[in-house]
Amino acid sequence: MTWRCTGIRWSSGRPAIGWYAQGRGERSSPLGYGGPLAFAAQGERICLGVYRAGKRTPCPAGARVPGRATSAQCPECARLDRSFSVAADTNAADPRTYRVYLAWFGPGMVKVGITAEERGSARLLEQGAVTWAWLGRGPLMAGRRTEELLRAALGVPDRIPYARKRAARAALPPTADRALEVTALHDRAVGLPGWPSSLEPLACEVTDHAGRFGLVGLPAPVRVTTAMLPGGSVVGRLAGAAGPDLHLTDGLVVDTRLLAGWEFVTPVAGRTTDVPTAAVLTAGAAADQEGLF
């Protein structure tokens, strides 16, 4: 029986590493800031299949996935996953109540998004939102129209590349300044003409995740992992976590999207980090979009 990593999971506001074994289901390993982090990849990276409605369907082909891919799905499973997905706009009939949010990642970096109300703030933790507030609640399509309204009228994006979010954590402005930027945008958004009648506006109550992410006193991110390889290891001490990123005390950022699909073992004594890395972009530098969120 092989337990394969499924990446980072945020449960009750705290980070954990998820695991899956066919026939055994899912489990997780909580992460503690200040503690050691050491693992080595073993064997090959395998497609994790499709996870839907709380159940994972294994990849029928057991397909291999490249070590540099940020998704642990083969093309066939990815197509199946997106064929019935709110994020991909292929499940417009979802009857659940949705919430629209404003998420702040750095100065001038605020995005609008939606999440199922039943998920609470989990989506904001998964995206690495440092500061955020609810904007409204209602049916799925009303939430989508609100996203489009904010994009057209205020130029608010619905996607910000992970690389830009990561770079901004090196020098965050004070909590009050972050909250002020979110509050100002919230005020402008609820006053827009054309607000969907079926979307209930929500009062602005700003939440800050800097404490949960361990960002206070976080070492400046210097390098980020770009791939996992068979036998490759990561060794360090965890300083904080935000979205899919694990920040180590030596300035290395571990992109946990690259961990999904691998089997991991404890490295032998004396091993150090030896996987491919790249310099973290400086704040304000341009970056290509890496994914939906």
Protein backbone atom coordinates (compact mmCIF):
# COMPACT_ATOMS: atom_id res chain seq x y z
CA MET A 1 0.00 0.00 0.00
CA THR A 2 1.41 3.37 -1.07
CA TRP A 3 0.35 6.66 0.50
CA ARG A 4 0.76 9.46 -2.03
CA CYS A 5 0.87 13.13 -1.19
CA THR A 6 -2.14 15.23 -2.24
CA GLY A 7 -0.55 18.59 -1.36
CA ILE A 8 -1.37 21.06 1.38
CA ARG A 9 -4.75 21.03 3.12
CA TRP A 10 -6.17 23.74 5.35
CA SER A 11 -8.31 22.31 8.15
CA SER A 12 -9.74 24.44 10.97
CA GLY A 13 -7.51 27.26 9.80
CA ARG A 14 -4.27 25.27 10.09
CA PRO A 15 -2.05 23.70 7.41
CA ALA A 16 -1.54 19.97 6.94
CA ILE A 17 -0.14 17.69 4.25
CA GLY A 18 -2.75 15.43 2.67
CA TRP A 19 -2.25 11.76 1.72
CA TYR A 20 -4.20 9.24 -0.33
CA ALA A 21 -3.90 5.48 -0.66
CA GLN A 22 -6.15 3.53 -2.99
CA GLY A 23 -8.52 1.44 -0.91
CA ARG A 24 -7.60 3.28 2.30
CA GLY A 25 -8.93 6.78 1.59
CA GLU A 26 -7.48 10.09 2.75
CA ARG A 27 -5.56 11.25 5.81
CA SER A 28 -3.46 14.26 6.76
CA SER A 29 -0.34 15.21 8.71
CA PRO A 30 -0.63 18.55 10.59
CA LEU A 31 2.24 21.02 10.19
CA GLY A 32 3.68 23.08 13.03
CA TYR A 33 5.57 26.34 12.54
CA GLY A 34 9.08 26.16 13.93
CA GLY A 35 9.29 22.40 13.49
CA PRO A 36 11.54 20.40 11.17
CA LEU A 37 10.46 19.52 7.64
CA ALA A 38 12.32 16.73 5.84
CA PHE A 39 11.23 14.39 3.06
CA ALA A 40 12.58 12.63 -0.04
CA ALA A 41 10.61 11.59 -3.12
CA GLN A 42 10.51 7.91 -3.96
CA GLY A 43 9.55 6.09 -7.15
CA GLU A 44 7.53 7.95 -9.78
CA ARG A 45 4.92 10.68 -9.61
CA ILE A 46 1.48 9.22 -10.34
CA CYS A 47 -1.77 10.94 -11.38
CA LEU A 48 -4.12 11.35 -8.41
CA GLY A 49 -7.26 10.91 -10.51
CA VAL A 50 -10.38 12.98 -9.90
CA TYR A 51 -11.62 14.23 -6.52
CA ARG A 52 -15.30 15.14 -6.54
CA ALA A 53 -18.04 15.33 -3.88
CA GLY A 54 -15.64 14.16 -1.19
CA LYS A 55 -14.57 11.03 -3.08
CA ARG A 56 -11.45 10.33 -5.11
CA THR A 57 -11.65 8.22 -8.28
CA PRO A 58 -8.19 6.81 -9.09
CA CYS A 59 -6.65 7.38 -12.50
CA PRO A 60 -7.58 4.24 -14.49
CA ALA A 61 -4.26 4.33 -16.35
CA GLY A 62 -2.07 5.06 -13.32
CA ALA A 63 -0.47 7.66 -15.57
CA ARG A 64 2.88 9.28 -14.80
CA VAL A 65 2.97 13.05 -14.20
CA PRO A 66 6.02 15.28 -14.93
CA GLY A 67 7.93 16.46 -11.88
CA ARG A 68 7.61 20.13 -12.92
CA ALA A 69 3.82 20.09 -13.41
CA THR A 70 1.82 22.12 -10.88
CA SER A 71 -1.12 19.73 -11.26
CA ALA A 72 -0.94 16.07 -10.24
CA GLN A 73 -3.38 15.01 -12.95
CA CYS A 74 -2.80 13.44 -16.34
CA PRO A 75 -4.46 15.22 -19.29
CA GLU A 76 -7.37 12.75 -19.39
CA CYS A 77 -8.22 13.10 -15.67
CA ALA A 78 -7.82 16.88 -15.92
CA ARG A 79 -10.33 16.99 -18.79
CA LEU A 80 -12.77 14.86 -16.79
CA ASP A 81 -12.31 17.06 -13.74
CA ARG A 82 -13.04 20.24 -15.70
CA SER A 83 -16.06 18.75 -17.46
CA PHE A 84 -18.17 19.29 -14.32
CA SER A 85 -16.55 22.15 -12.46
CA VAL A 86 -17.74 25.47 -11.05
CA ALA A 87 -14.22 26.89 -11.43
CA ALA A 88 -14.18 25.96 -15.12
CA ASP A 89 -17.77 27.22 -15.66
CA THR A 90 -18.99 23.75 -16.64
CA ASN A 91 -21.42 23.35 -13.73
CA ALA A 92 -23.61 26.43 -13.94
CA ALA A 93 -26.62 24.58 -12.43
CA ASP A 94 -25.00 24.14 -8.99
CA PRO A 95 -27.90 24.91 -6.58
CA ARG A 96 -25.75 25.80 -3.55
CA THR A 97 -25.47 29.28 -2.07
CA TYR A 98 -22.23 31.05 -3.00
CA ARG A 99 -20.35 33.91 -1.44
CA VAL A 100 -18.42 36.58 -3.31
CA TYR A 101 -15.23 37.76 -1.63
CA LEU A 102 -12.46 40.33 -2.00
CA ALA A 103 -8.99 38.91 -1.30
CA TRP A 104 -5.86 41.03 -0.72
CA PHE A 105 -2.39 39.58 -1.41
CA GLY A 106 -0.22 42.68 -1.51
CA PRO A 107 -0.39 46.42 -2.27
CA GLY A 108 -2.57 46.88 -5.35
CA MET A 109 -3.25 43.13 -5.54
CA VAL A 110 -6.91 42.53 -4.68
CA LYS A 111 -8.98 39.95 -6.53
CA VAL A 112 -12.65 39.06 -6.57
CA GLY A 113 -13.79 35.46 -6.35
CA ILE A 114 -16.57 33.12 -5.31
CA THR A 115 -16.75 30.09 -3.03
CA ALA A 116 -19.53 27.80 -1.84
CA GLU A 117 -20.93 29.20 1.40
CA GLU A 118 -20.64 25.80 3.09
CA ARG A 119 -16.83 25.94 2.72
CA GLY A 120 -16.52 29.05 4.89
CA SER A 121 -13.12 30.73 4.57
CA ALA A 122 -11.24 27.60 3.39
CA ARG A 123 -10.88 28.95 -0.15
CA LEU A 124 -9.22 32.13 1.15
CA LEU A 125 -6.66 30.08 3.08
CA GLU A 126 -6.01 27.87 0.04
CA GLN A 127 -5.29 30.92 -2.10
CA GLY A 128 -3.02 32.56 0.45
CA ALA A 129 -5.24 35.62 0.96
CA VAL A 130 -3.53 37.75 3.62
CA THR A 131 -6.56 40.00 4.16
CA TRP A 132 -10.11 39.54 2.90
CA ALA A 133 -13.81 40.34 3.30
CA TRP A 134 -17.12 38.94 2.10
CA LEU A 135 -18.90 41.04 -0.48
CA GLY A 136 -22.23 39.26 -1.02
CA ARG A 137 -24.09 35.95 -1.02
CA GLY A 138 -26.58 34.35 -3.40
CA PRO A 139 -26.92 31.92 -6.34
CA LEU A 140 -23.89 30.84 -8.34
CA MET A 141 -24.67 32.82 -11.47
CA ALA A 142 -25.36 35.99 -9.47
CA GLY A 143 -21.90 35.59 -8.00
CA ARG A 144 -20.40 35.16 -11.46
CA ARG A 145 -22.17 38.30 -12.71
CA THR A 146 -20.76 40.21 -9.74
CA GLU A 147 -17.25 39.06 -10.63
CA GLU A 148 -17.77 40.31 -14.18
CA LEU A 149 -19.20 43.60 -12.91
CA LEU A 150 -16.15 44.30 -10.75
CA ARG A 151 -13.77 43.38 -13.58
CA ALA A 152 -15.52 45.68 -16.05
CA ALA A 153 -16.31 48.63 -13.78
CA LEU A 154 -13.36 48.64 -11.36
CA GLY A 155 -10.68 46.62 -13.12
CA VAL A 156 -10.57 44.05 -10.30
CA PRO A 157 -9.06 40.75 -11.55
CA ASP A 158 -10.32 37.30 -10.66
CA ARG A 159 -6.83 35.77 -10.94
CA ILE A 160 -3.43 36.69 -9.53
CA PRO A 161 -0.37 34.51 -10.27
CA TYR A 162 1.11 32.62 -7.33
CA ALA A 163 4.53 34.13 -8.06
CA ARG A 164 3.25 37.66 -7.39
CA LYS A 165 1.53 36.60 -4.17
CA ARG A 166 4.74 34.93 -2.99
CA ALA A 167 6.92 37.96 -3.71
CA ALA A 168 4.58 40.34 -1.88
CA ARG A 169 4.94 38.46 1.43
CA ALA A 170 8.49 39.74 1.83
CA ALA A 171 7.39 43.25 2.82
CA LEU A 172 3.75 43.52 3.88
CA PRO A 173 2.34 46.92 4.90
CA PRO A 174 0.74 47.26 8.37
CA THR A 175 -2.51 45.41 9.14
CA ALA A 176 -4.51 48.64 9.19
CA ASP A 177 -3.32 49.61 5.71
CA ARG A 178 -4.26 46.21 4.33
CA ALA A 179 -7.72 46.46 5.83
CA LEU A 180 -8.16 49.99 4.49
CA GLU A 181 -7.51 48.87 0.92
CA VAL A 182 -10.07 46.06 1.19
CA THR A 183 -12.65 48.30 2.86
CA ALA A 184 -12.29 51.02 0.22
CA LEU A 185 -12.82 48.52 -2.60
CA HIS A 186 -15.78 46.96 -0.78
CA ASP A 187 -17.45 50.37 -0.51
CA ARG A 188 -16.97 51.05 -4.21
CA ALA A 189 -18.19 47.58 -5.20
CA VAL A 190 -21.50 47.62 -3.30
CA GLY A 191 -22.27 51.06 -4.76
CA LEU A 192 -21.95 49.96 -8.39
CA PRO A 193 -25.01 50.18 -10.64
CA GLY A 194 -26.00 46.85 -12.10
CA TRP A 195 -25.52 44.88 -8.89
CA PRO A 196 -27.43 41.56 -9.33
CA SER A 197 -30.77 41.71 -7.54
CA SER A 198 -30.46 38.11 -6.33
CA LEU A 199 -27.12 38.76 -4.61
CA GLU A 200 -27.41 39.96 -1.01
CA PRO A 201 -24.73 42.54 -0.15
CA LEU A 202 -22.83 41.77 3.05
CA ALA A 203 -21.38 44.28 5.49
CA CYS A 204 -17.62 44.73 5.30
CA GLU A 205 -15.95 42.71 8.05
CA VAL A 206 -12.24 42.42 7.29
CA THR A 207 -10.32 39.28 8.33
CA ASP A 208 -6.52 39.08 8.44
CA HIS A 209 -4.61 35.80 7.97
CA ALA A 210 -1.08 37.03 8.71
CA GLY A 211 -1.08 35.27 12.08
CA ARG A 212 -2.46 31.99 10.74
CA PHE A 213 0.11 32.02 7.95
CA GLY A 214 3.01 32.83 10.28
CA LEU A 215 3.88 35.91 8.22
CA VAL A 216 4.95 38.11 11.15
CA GLY A 217 8.74 38.03 11.08
CA LEU A 218 8.75 35.61 8.15
CA PRO A 219 12.18 35.34 6.47
CA ALA A 220 12.14 36.95 3.04
CA PRO A 221 11.47 34.31 0.38
CA VAL A 222 14.63 33.83 -1.69
CA ARG A 223 14.15 30.69 -3.78
CA VAL A 224 11.22 28.47 -4.67
CA THR A 225 11.11 24.81 -5.65
CA THR A 226 10.38 24.23 -9.34
CA ALA A 227 10.25 20.42 -9.49
CA MET A 228 10.45 17.21 -7.50
CA LEU A 229 12.62 14.40 -8.81
CA PRO A 230 12.96 10.73 -7.81
CA GLY A 231 15.28 10.69 -4.81
CA GLY A 232 15.15 14.50 -4.48
CA SER A 233 14.94 15.80 -0.91
CA VAL A 234 13.83 18.90 0.96
CA VAL A 235 15.27 19.50 4.42
CA GLY A 236 14.70 22.53 6.61
CA ARG A 237 12.56 24.12 9.30
CA LEU A 238 9.06 25.43 8.69
CA ALA A 239 8.59 29.15 9.30
CA GLY A 240 5.10 29.66 7.85
CA ALA A 241 2.60 28.62 5.21
CA ALA A 242 0.30 30.54 2.88
CA GLY A 243 -1.92 29.03 0.23
CA PRO A 244 0.08 26.19 -1.39
CA ASP A 245 3.45 27.55 -0.21
CA LEU A 246 5.54 26.33 2.71
CA HIS A 247 8.09 28.94 3.82
CA LEU A 248 11.29 27.61 5.42
CA THR A 249 13.56 29.54 7.77
CA ASP A 250 16.37 29.64 5.19
CA GLY A 251 14.23 31.57 2.69
CA LEU A 252 13.27 28.54 0.59
CA VAL A 253 9.63 28.27 -0.46
CA VAL A 254 8.27 24.78 -1.11
CA ASP A 255 5.48 24.83 -3.69
CA THR A 256 3.31 21.97 -2.43
CA ARG A 257 1.51 21.69 -5.78
CA LEU A 258 4.72 19.94 -6.91
CA LEU A 259 4.51 17.41 -4.07
CA ALA A 260 1.13 15.96 -5.02
CA GLY A 261 1.30 12.52 -6.60
CA TRP A 262 4.62 11.52 -5.01
CA GLU A 263 5.40 8.91 -2.37
CA PHE A 264 7.73 10.36 0.28
CA VAL A 265 10.14 8.81 2.75
CA THR A 266 12.40 10.20 5.47
CA PRO A 267 15.78 11.34 4.04
CA VAL A 268 18.94 9.69 5.31
CA ALA A 269 20.91 11.62 7.90
CA GLY A 270 22.97 14.47 6.51
CA ARG A 271 20.84 15.09 3.41
CA THR A 272 20.14 18.67 2.40
CA THR A 273 17.71 20.20 -0.07
CA ASP A 274 18.75 19.17 -3.57
CA VAL A 275 15.68 19.66 -5.76
CA PRO A 276 15.57 22.27 -8.57
CA THR A 277 14.81 25.83 -7.43
CA ALA A 278 14.53 29.31 -8.93
CA ALA A 279 14.83 32.82 -7.55
CA VAL A 280 11.63 34.28 -6.12
CA LEU A 281 10.40 37.27 -8.11
CA THR A 282 10.79 40.65 -6.49
CA ALA A 283 7.58 42.44 -5.55
CA GLY A 284 6.06 44.17 -8.56
CA ALA A 285 7.79 42.00 -11.15
CA ALA A 286 5.67 40.58 -13.94
CA ALA A 287 4.70 36.91 -13.88
CA ASP A 288 2.78 34.59 -16.17
CA GLN A 289 -0.54 33.25 -14.92
CA GLU A 290 0.04 29.72 -13.51
CA GLY A 291 -3.51 28.56 -12.82
CA LEU A 292 -7.11 29.47 -12.21
CA PHE A 293 -6.52 31.12 -8.83
